[in-house]
N, C-alpha and C. Protein backbone atom coordinates (compact mmCIF):
# COMPACT_ATOMS: atom_id res chain seq x y z
N MET A 1 -14.21 -6.17 -3.29
CA MET A 1 -14.28 -7.48 -2.64
C MET A 1 -12.83 -7.96 -3.60
N ARG A 2 -12.52 -8.98 -3.24
CA ARG A 2 -11.39 -9.43 -3.89
C ARG A 2 -11.62 -11.01 -4.05
N LEU A 3 -11.38 -11.60 -5.21
CA LEU A 3 -11.79 -13.12 -5.41
C LEU A 3 -10.18 -13.63 -5.79
N ARG A 4 -9.84 -14.73 -5.01
CA ARG A 4 -8.35 -15.35 -5.31
C ARG A 4 -8.60 -16.59 -5.79
N ASP A 5 -8.06 -17.15 -6.91
CA ASP A 5 -8.02 -18.62 -7.52
C ASP A 5 -7.31 -19.41 -6.09
N GLU A 6 -8.18 -20.38 -6.34
CA GLU A 6 -7.81 -21.71 -5.13
C GLU A 6 -6.18 -21.96 -5.22
N GLY A 7 -5.76 -21.76 -6.30
CA GLY A 7 -4.26 -22.07 -6.46
C GLY A 7 -3.10 -21.11 -6.25
N GLY A 8 -3.92 -19.91 -5.89
CA GLY A 8 -3.20 -18.77 -5.34
C GLY A 8 -2.68 -17.88 -5.95
N ASP A 9 -2.35 -18.08 -7.38
CA ASP A 9 -1.68 -17.18 -8.20
C ASP A 9 -2.55 -16.12 -8.91
N ARG A 10 -3.74 -16.45 -9.15
CA ARG A 10 -4.46 -15.33 -9.82
C ARG A 10 -5.36 -14.73 -8.99
N SER A 11 -5.69 -13.38 -9.13
CA SER A 11 -6.54 -12.75 -8.52
C SER A 11 -7.27 -11.47 -9.38
N VAL A 12 -8.63 -11.15 -8.57
CA VAL A 12 -9.34 -10.04 -9.20
C VAL A 12 -9.91 -9.55 -8.01
N GLU A 13 -9.47 -7.88 -8.14
CA GLU A 13 -10.30 -7.28 -6.94
C GLU A 13 -11.02 -6.37 -7.42
N LEU A 14 -12.27 -6.02 -7.56
CA LEU A 14 -13.05 -4.93 -7.74
C LEU A 14 -13.40 -4.07 -6.37
N ARG A 15 -12.85 -2.75 -6.48
CA ARG A 15 -13.45 -2.15 -5.34
C ARG A 15 -14.22 -0.69 -5.54
N PRO A 16 -15.56 -0.57 -5.17
CA PRO A 16 -16.28 1.00 -5.36
C PRO A 16 -15.47 1.80 -4.69
N VAL A 17 -14.74 2.81 -5.30
CA VAL A 17 -14.21 3.82 -4.13
C VAL A 17 -15.15 5.21 -4.39
N ALA A 18 -15.75 5.49 -5.21
CA ALA A 18 -16.66 6.64 -5.21
C ALA A 18 -18.01 6.40 -5.86
N ASP A 19 -19.07 7.43 -5.57
CA ASP A 19 -20.24 7.68 -6.14
C ASP A 19 -20.04 8.94 -6.87
N ASP A 20 -19.84 8.79 -8.43
CA ASP A 20 -19.98 9.88 -9.39
C ASP A 20 -21.56 10.65 -9.56
N SER A 21 -22.08 11.47 -8.85
CA SER A 21 -23.40 11.52 -8.49
C SER A 21 -23.61 12.25 -10.00
N ALA A 22 -22.62 12.91 -10.70
CA ALA A 22 -23.21 13.54 -11.97
C ALA A 22 -23.40 12.58 -12.97
N THR A 23 -23.03 11.11 -12.96
CA THR A 23 -22.89 10.35 -14.09
C THR A 23 -24.06 9.29 -13.18
N ASP A 24 -24.40 9.18 -11.94
CA ASP A 24 -24.92 8.14 -11.49
C ASP A 24 -24.49 6.74 -11.57
N ARG A 25 -23.07 7.04 -11.46
CA ARG A 25 -22.13 5.81 -11.65
C ARG A 25 -21.22 5.70 -10.38
N VAL A 26 -20.75 4.49 -10.18
CA VAL A 26 -19.73 4.24 -9.25
C VAL A 26 -18.41 3.88 -9.71
N VAL A 27 -17.35 4.58 -9.22
CA VAL A 27 -15.88 4.58 -9.80
C VAL A 27 -15.28 3.14 -8.85
N VAL A 28 -15.03 2.37 -9.73
CA VAL A 28 -14.64 0.87 -9.39
C VAL A 28 -13.06 0.94 -9.83
N ASP A 29 -12.17 0.73 -8.71
CA ASP A 29 -10.38 0.57 -8.91
C ASP A 29 -10.59 -0.98 -9.00
N ALA A 30 -10.03 -1.42 -10.15
CA ALA A 30 -9.65 -3.05 -10.51
C ALA A 30 -8.42 -3.28 -10.49
N VAL A 31 -7.95 -4.57 -10.01
CA VAL A 31 -6.68 -4.84 -10.05
C VAL A 31 -6.74 -6.52 -10.41
N VAL A 32 -6.33 -7.04 -11.24
CA VAL A 32 -6.24 -8.17 -11.64
C VAL A 32 -4.65 -8.64 -11.65
N GLU A 33 -4.25 -9.91 -11.22
CA GLU A 33 -3.02 -10.25 -11.08
C GLU A 33 -2.93 -11.77 -11.52
N ASP A 34 -1.94 -12.41 -12.07
CA ASP A 34 -1.79 -13.66 -12.32
C ASP A 34 -0.62 -14.42 -12.12
N GLY A 35 -0.08 -13.68 -10.82
CA GLY A 35 1.10 -14.21 -10.26
C GLY A 35 2.52 -13.41 -10.87
N VAL A 36 2.56 -13.13 -12.32
CA VAL A 36 3.75 -12.54 -12.83
C VAL A 36 3.37 -11.07 -13.16
N ARG A 37 2.08 -11.01 -13.63
CA ARG A 37 1.76 -9.71 -14.28
C ARG A 37 0.65 -9.17 -13.49
N ARG A 38 0.55 -7.75 -13.50
CA ARG A 38 -0.47 -6.99 -12.76
C ARG A 38 -1.14 -5.74 -13.82
N TRP A 39 -2.23 -5.84 -13.64
CA TRP A 39 -3.02 -4.86 -14.44
C TRP A 39 -3.76 -3.77 -13.50
N THR A 40 -4.23 -2.67 -13.72
CA THR A 40 -5.24 -2.00 -13.00
C THR A 40 -5.84 -0.86 -14.07
N LEU A 41 -7.05 -0.63 -13.36
CA LEU A 41 -7.98 0.10 -13.89
C LEU A 41 -8.81 0.83 -12.85
N ALA A 42 -9.36 2.25 -13.17
CA ALA A 42 -10.00 2.93 -12.30
C ALA A 42 -11.19 3.49 -13.50
N ASP A 43 -12.13 3.33 -13.41
CA ASP A 43 -13.32 3.73 -14.31
C ASP A 43 -14.88 3.71 -13.48
N THR A 44 -15.46 4.67 -14.23
CA THR A 44 -16.95 4.45 -13.55
C THR A 44 -17.88 3.74 -14.69
N CYS A 45 -17.69 2.34 -14.04
CA CYS A 45 -18.21 1.24 -15.22
C CYS A 45 -19.26 0.69 -14.40
N LEU A 46 -19.68 1.00 -13.43
CA LEU A 46 -21.10 0.44 -12.87
C LEU A 46 -21.76 1.17 -12.20
N THR A 47 -23.21 1.14 -12.43
CA THR A 47 -24.13 1.85 -11.59
C THR A 47 -24.34 1.26 -10.21
N ASP A 48 -24.68 1.94 -9.31
CA ASP A 48 -24.77 1.63 -7.87
C ASP A 48 -25.68 0.23 -8.02
N ASP A 49 -26.94 0.15 -8.81
CA ASP A 49 -27.80 -1.25 -8.85
C ASP A 49 -26.98 -2.11 -9.79
N GLU A 50 -26.04 -1.95 -10.54
CA GLU A 50 -25.25 -2.93 -11.08
C GLU A 50 -24.22 -3.54 -10.11
N ALA A 51 -23.89 -2.73 -9.35
CA ALA A 51 -22.99 -3.29 -8.22
C ALA A 51 -23.38 -4.38 -7.41
N ARG A 52 -24.92 -3.83 -6.84
CA ARG A 52 -25.47 -4.74 -6.06
C ARG A 52 -26.01 -5.96 -6.73
N ASP A 53 -26.14 -5.58 -8.14
CA ASP A 53 -26.68 -6.77 -8.81
C ASP A 53 -25.63 -7.85 -8.81
N LEU A 54 -24.15 -7.49 -9.07
CA LEU A 54 -22.99 -8.08 -9.22
C LEU A 54 -22.96 -9.09 -7.78
N ALA A 55 -23.14 -8.44 -6.84
CA ALA A 55 -23.10 -9.07 -5.33
C ALA A 55 -23.99 -10.28 -5.21
N ALA A 56 -25.22 -9.86 -5.58
CA ALA A 56 -26.28 -10.63 -5.55
C ALA A 56 -26.06 -11.90 -6.79
N TRP A 57 -25.45 -11.73 -7.71
CA TRP A 57 -25.07 -12.95 -8.70
C TRP A 57 -24.14 -13.68 -8.22
N LEU A 58 -23.20 -13.05 -7.52
CA LEU A 58 -21.91 -14.01 -6.89
C LEU A 58 -22.63 -14.70 -6.00
N ALA A 59 -23.23 -14.27 -5.09
CA ALA A 59 -23.99 -15.01 -3.96
C ALA A 59 -24.77 -16.21 -4.39
N GLY A 60 -25.48 -15.66 -5.77
CA GLY A 60 -26.43 -16.82 -6.10
C GLY A 60 -25.71 -18.02 -7.02
N ILE A 61 -24.53 -17.55 -7.40
CA ILE A 61 -23.71 -18.80 -7.83
C ILE A 61 -23.37 -19.70 -7.11
N ALA A 62 -22.63 -19.14 -5.86
CA ALA A 62 -22.15 -19.94 -4.95
C ALA A 62 -23.33 -20.54 -4.01
N ASP A 63 -24.33 -20.08 -3.92
CA ASP A 63 -25.33 -20.67 -3.10
C ASP A 63 -26.25 -21.58 -4.22
N ASP A 64 -25.88 -21.52 -5.42
CA ASP A 64 -26.70 -22.34 -6.44
C ASP A 64 -27.94 -21.73 -6.58
N ALA A 65 -28.33 -20.39 -6.30
CA ALA A 65 -29.55 -20.13 -6.61
C ALA A 65 -29.69 -19.35 -7.94
N THR A 66 -28.78 -19.06 -8.84
CA THR A 66 -29.11 -18.72 -10.26
C THR A 66 -28.90 -19.97 -11.34
N ALA A 67 -28.51 -20.89 -11.14
CA ALA A 67 -28.15 -22.11 -12.04
C ALA A 67 -28.01 -23.49 -11.35
N ALA A 68 -28.25 -24.36 -11.98
CA ALA A 68 -27.71 -25.65 -11.29
C ALA A 68 -26.39 -26.19 -11.52
N ALA A 69 -25.68 -26.67 -10.99
CA ALA A 69 -24.47 -27.12 -11.26
C ALA A 69 -24.07 -27.58 -12.39
N ASP A 70 -23.05 -27.05 -12.88
CA ASP A 70 -22.84 -27.23 -14.51
C ASP A 70 -23.14 -26.28 -15.36
N GLU A 71 -24.19 -25.50 -15.18
CA GLU A 71 -24.65 -24.46 -15.88
C GLU A 71 -24.00 -22.96 -15.86
N TRP A 72 -23.55 -22.72 -16.85
CA TRP A 72 -22.70 -21.22 -17.01
C TRP A 72 -23.91 -20.32 -17.03
N THR A 73 -23.66 -19.28 -16.30
CA THR A 73 -24.41 -18.09 -16.60
C THR A 73 -23.50 -16.97 -16.72
N ALA A 74 -24.18 -15.50 -17.12
CA ALA A 74 -23.29 -14.44 -17.16
C ALA A 74 -23.77 -13.32 -16.98
N LEU A 75 -23.03 -12.57 -16.50
CA LEU A 75 -23.59 -10.94 -16.33
C LEU A 75 -22.80 -9.96 -16.93
N THR A 76 -23.52 -8.81 -17.54
CA THR A 76 -23.15 -7.93 -18.12
C THR A 76 -23.75 -6.74 -17.75
N PHE A 77 -23.22 -5.57 -17.98
CA PHE A 77 -23.56 -4.16 -17.48
C PHE A 77 -23.84 -3.28 -18.58
N SER A 78 -24.27 -2.20 -18.30
CA SER A 78 -24.69 -1.26 -19.17
C SER A 78 -23.34 -0.52 -19.82
N SER A 79 -22.17 -0.58 -19.18
CA SER A 79 -20.82 -0.42 -19.61
C SER A 79 -20.12 -1.67 -19.77
N PRO A 80 -19.56 -1.78 -20.92
CA PRO A 80 -19.11 -3.07 -21.51
C PRO A 80 -17.49 -3.35 -21.05
N VAL A 81 -17.00 -2.58 -20.01
CA VAL A 81 -15.88 -2.60 -19.31
C VAL A 81 -15.71 -3.73 -18.36
N ILE A 82 -16.59 -4.36 -17.98
CA ILE A 82 -16.82 -5.80 -16.95
C ILE A 82 -17.68 -6.53 -17.34
N THR A 83 -17.17 -7.80 -17.65
CA THR A 83 -18.23 -8.98 -17.97
C THR A 83 -17.89 -10.12 -16.73
N LEU A 84 -18.77 -10.92 -16.75
CA LEU A 84 -18.34 -11.98 -15.95
C LEU A 84 -19.29 -13.21 -16.39
N SER A 85 -18.91 -14.45 -16.07
CA SER A 85 -19.45 -15.50 -16.44
C SER A 85 -18.93 -16.74 -15.34
N GLY A 86 -19.86 -17.40 -15.07
CA GLY A 86 -19.50 -18.54 -13.84
C GLY A 86 -20.56 -19.67 -13.67
N HIS A 87 -19.85 -20.42 -12.82
CA HIS A 87 -20.89 -21.53 -12.40
C HIS A 87 -20.58 -22.14 -11.24
N ARG A 88 -21.20 -23.05 -10.68
CA ARG A 88 -20.85 -23.76 -9.37
C ARG A 88 -20.50 -25.26 -9.82
N ILE A 89 -19.37 -25.50 -9.15
CA ILE A 89 -18.87 -26.92 -9.49
C ILE A 89 -18.88 -27.91 -8.23
N PRO A 90 -19.90 -28.96 -8.45
CA PRO A 90 -20.08 -29.84 -7.37
C PRO A 90 -18.96 -29.99 -6.58
N GLY A 91 -19.11 -30.00 -5.47
CA GLY A 91 -17.95 -30.24 -4.16
C GLY A 91 -17.30 -28.96 -3.48
N GLY A 92 -18.46 -27.84 -3.68
CA GLY A 92 -17.98 -26.43 -3.24
C GLY A 92 -17.06 -25.69 -3.90
N THR A 93 -16.97 -25.43 -5.03
CA THR A 93 -16.22 -24.39 -5.88
C THR A 93 -17.01 -23.98 -6.91
N VAL A 94 -16.71 -22.66 -7.02
CA VAL A 94 -17.24 -21.72 -7.98
C VAL A 94 -16.09 -21.35 -9.17
N GLU A 95 -16.37 -21.64 -10.27
CA GLU A 95 -15.35 -21.28 -11.55
C GLU A 95 -15.89 -19.97 -12.25
N LEU A 96 -15.23 -18.98 -12.26
CA LEU A 96 -15.43 -17.62 -12.79
C LEU A 96 -14.56 -17.27 -13.99
N ARG A 97 -15.15 -16.53 -14.91
CA ARG A 97 -14.14 -15.91 -15.82
C ARG A 97 -14.77 -14.35 -15.87
N ILE A 98 -13.78 -13.45 -15.51
CA ILE A 98 -13.71 -12.13 -15.34
C ILE A 98 -13.01 -11.39 -16.61
N GLY A 99 -13.80 -10.56 -17.07
CA GLY A 99 -13.14 -9.84 -18.11
C GLY A 99 -13.10 -8.47 -18.03
N VAL A 100 -11.99 -7.59 -17.98
CA VAL A 100 -11.88 -6.24 -18.02
C VAL A 100 -11.14 -5.48 -18.91
N LEU A 101 -11.83 -4.47 -19.69
CA LEU A 101 -11.18 -3.71 -20.79
C LEU A 101 -10.29 -2.91 -20.32
N ARG A 102 -9.51 -2.41 -21.09
CA ARG A 102 -8.58 -1.05 -21.11
C ARG A 102 -7.73 -1.17 -19.72
N MET A 103 -7.27 -2.21 -19.39
CA MET A 103 -6.55 -2.34 -18.20
C MET A 103 -5.14 -1.75 -18.49
N VAL A 104 -4.56 -0.99 -17.58
CA VAL A 104 -3.14 -0.71 -17.85
C VAL A 104 -2.24 -1.62 -17.05
N ALA A 105 -1.38 -2.08 -17.83
CA ALA A 105 -0.24 -2.98 -17.42
C ALA A 105 0.84 -2.36 -16.66
N ALA A 106 1.48 -3.34 -15.60
CA ALA A 106 2.40 -2.59 -14.76
C ALA A 106 3.66 -2.01 -15.25
N GLY A 107 3.89 -2.41 -16.49
CA GLY A 107 5.15 -2.11 -17.11
C GLY A 107 4.93 -0.68 -18.17
N GLY A 108 3.44 -0.55 -18.45
CA GLY A 108 2.87 0.41 -19.30
C GLY A 108 2.06 -0.30 -20.53
N GLY A 109 1.62 0.34 -20.97
CA GLY A 109 0.44 -0.24 -22.18
C GLY A 109 -0.97 -0.79 -21.46
N THR A 110 -1.68 -0.81 -22.43
CA THR A 110 -3.24 -1.14 -21.93
C THR A 110 -3.37 -2.76 -22.61
N ALA A 111 -4.40 -3.28 -21.91
CA ALA A 111 -4.89 -4.61 -22.55
C ALA A 111 -6.13 -4.92 -21.81
N ASP A 112 -6.80 -5.89 -22.87
CA ASP A 112 -8.35 -6.30 -22.29
C ASP A 112 -7.65 -7.45 -21.67
N VAL A 113 -8.22 -7.90 -20.31
CA VAL A 113 -7.48 -8.87 -19.77
C VAL A 113 -8.70 -9.68 -19.26
N VAL A 114 -8.78 -11.11 -19.62
CA VAL A 114 -9.54 -12.03 -19.00
C VAL A 114 -9.21 -12.96 -18.09
N VAL A 115 -9.49 -13.34 -17.15
CA VAL A 115 -8.83 -14.17 -16.13
C VAL A 115 -9.89 -15.12 -15.49
N GLY A 116 -9.50 -16.25 -15.51
CA GLY A 116 -10.36 -17.54 -15.07
C GLY A 116 -9.80 -17.97 -13.74
N LEU A 117 -10.81 -18.19 -12.69
CA LEU A 117 -10.35 -18.67 -11.34
C LEU A 117 -11.37 -19.69 -10.70
N ARG A 118 -10.78 -20.24 -9.93
CA ARG A 118 -11.79 -21.49 -9.36
C ARG A 118 -11.50 -20.79 -7.66
N ALA A 119 -12.82 -20.59 -7.01
CA ALA A 119 -12.56 -20.33 -5.60
C ALA A 119 -13.83 -21.03 -4.87
N PRO A 120 -13.49 -21.16 -3.38
CA PRO A 120 -14.14 -22.01 -2.66
C PRO A 120 -15.66 -21.21 -2.56
N GLN A 121 -16.60 -21.94 -2.51
CA GLN A 121 -18.13 -21.14 -2.12
C GLN A 121 -18.10 -20.27 -1.14
N ALA A 122 -17.55 -20.50 -0.22
CA ALA A 122 -17.59 -19.57 1.03
C ALA A 122 -16.92 -18.31 0.64
N ALA A 123 -15.61 -18.28 0.08
CA ALA A 123 -14.85 -17.13 -0.47
C ALA A 123 -15.64 -16.18 -1.33
N VAL A 124 -16.62 -16.75 -2.16
CA VAL A 124 -17.19 -15.98 -3.20
C VAL A 124 -18.54 -15.35 -2.43
N VAL A 125 -18.97 -16.08 -1.56
CA VAL A 125 -20.11 -15.59 -0.67
C VAL A 125 -19.48 -14.32 0.19
N ALA A 126 -18.40 -14.65 0.57
CA ALA A 126 -17.76 -13.35 1.37
C ALA A 126 -17.17 -12.23 0.66
N ALA A 127 -17.08 -12.47 -0.55
CA ALA A 127 -16.54 -11.39 -1.64
C ALA A 127 -17.86 -10.55 -2.07
N ALA A 128 -19.14 -11.45 -2.07
CA ALA A 128 -20.18 -10.58 -2.38
C ALA A 128 -20.87 -9.59 -1.27
N ARG A 129 -20.36 -10.20 -0.12
CA ARG A 129 -20.77 -9.41 1.25
C ARG A 129 -20.02 -8.31 1.40
N ASP A 130 -18.86 -8.40 0.98
CA ASP A 130 -17.88 -7.26 1.06
C ASP A 130 -18.28 -6.32 -0.07
N LEU A 131 -18.49 -6.65 -1.02
CA LEU A 131 -19.08 -5.89 -2.09
C LEU A 131 -20.23 -5.07 -1.58
N LEU A 132 -21.31 -5.67 -1.01
CA LEU A 132 -22.41 -4.53 -0.64
C LEU A 132 -22.05 -3.71 0.16
N VAL A 133 -21.03 -4.20 1.36
CA VAL A 133 -20.50 -3.25 2.48
C VAL A 133 -19.62 -2.01 1.64
N GLU A 134 -19.07 -2.29 0.80
CA GLU A 134 -18.39 -1.30 0.08
C GLU A 134 -19.34 -0.47 -0.61
N VAL A 135 -20.25 -0.80 -1.18
CA VAL A 135 -21.19 -0.03 -1.83
C VAL A 135 -22.01 0.81 -0.96
N ASP A 136 -22.40 0.19 0.19
CA ASP A 136 -23.12 0.85 1.25
C ASP A 136 -22.20 2.22 1.86
N ALA A 137 -20.94 1.81 1.90
CA ALA A 137 -20.10 2.82 2.34
C ALA A 137 -19.84 4.10 1.70
N LEU A 138 -20.14 3.84 0.35
CA LEU A 138 -19.67 5.01 -0.46
C LEU A 138 -20.78 6.32 -0.22
N PRO A 139 -19.98 7.45 -0.08
CA PRO A 139 -20.94 8.79 0.43
C PRO A 139 -21.71 9.13 -0.72
N SER A 140 -23.00 9.34 -0.51
CA SER A 140 -24.03 9.64 -1.39
C SER A 140 -24.15 11.05 -1.80
């Protein structure tokens, strides 16, 4: 799934790429871009259920099923590598804060990256659907 800021300069991509049956975790490739900088990470940071919870959470915020407009809600996982918070803004926009720890910068070095973005509700729902398709496509 990929979420892009409505301004176009920031994006977060989280792709489940493998199922680590030994640890019952999903390997996620993460890419964060802010227009100038780019960070990447490949980590077994979610379980299969947590990846599905993430998709449901995103769709819930976009459809306003998890909270009223203006109310922030957060999602954390058993691994602290990825955290999310967000809320729906009246008028069809979702505001998200996504944190990813230990990302590798394009020029070298590591950083904990937190990016804020605003995306149309339809784009967030589409990203949630994409994530479910990607999780379902993982070999078991």
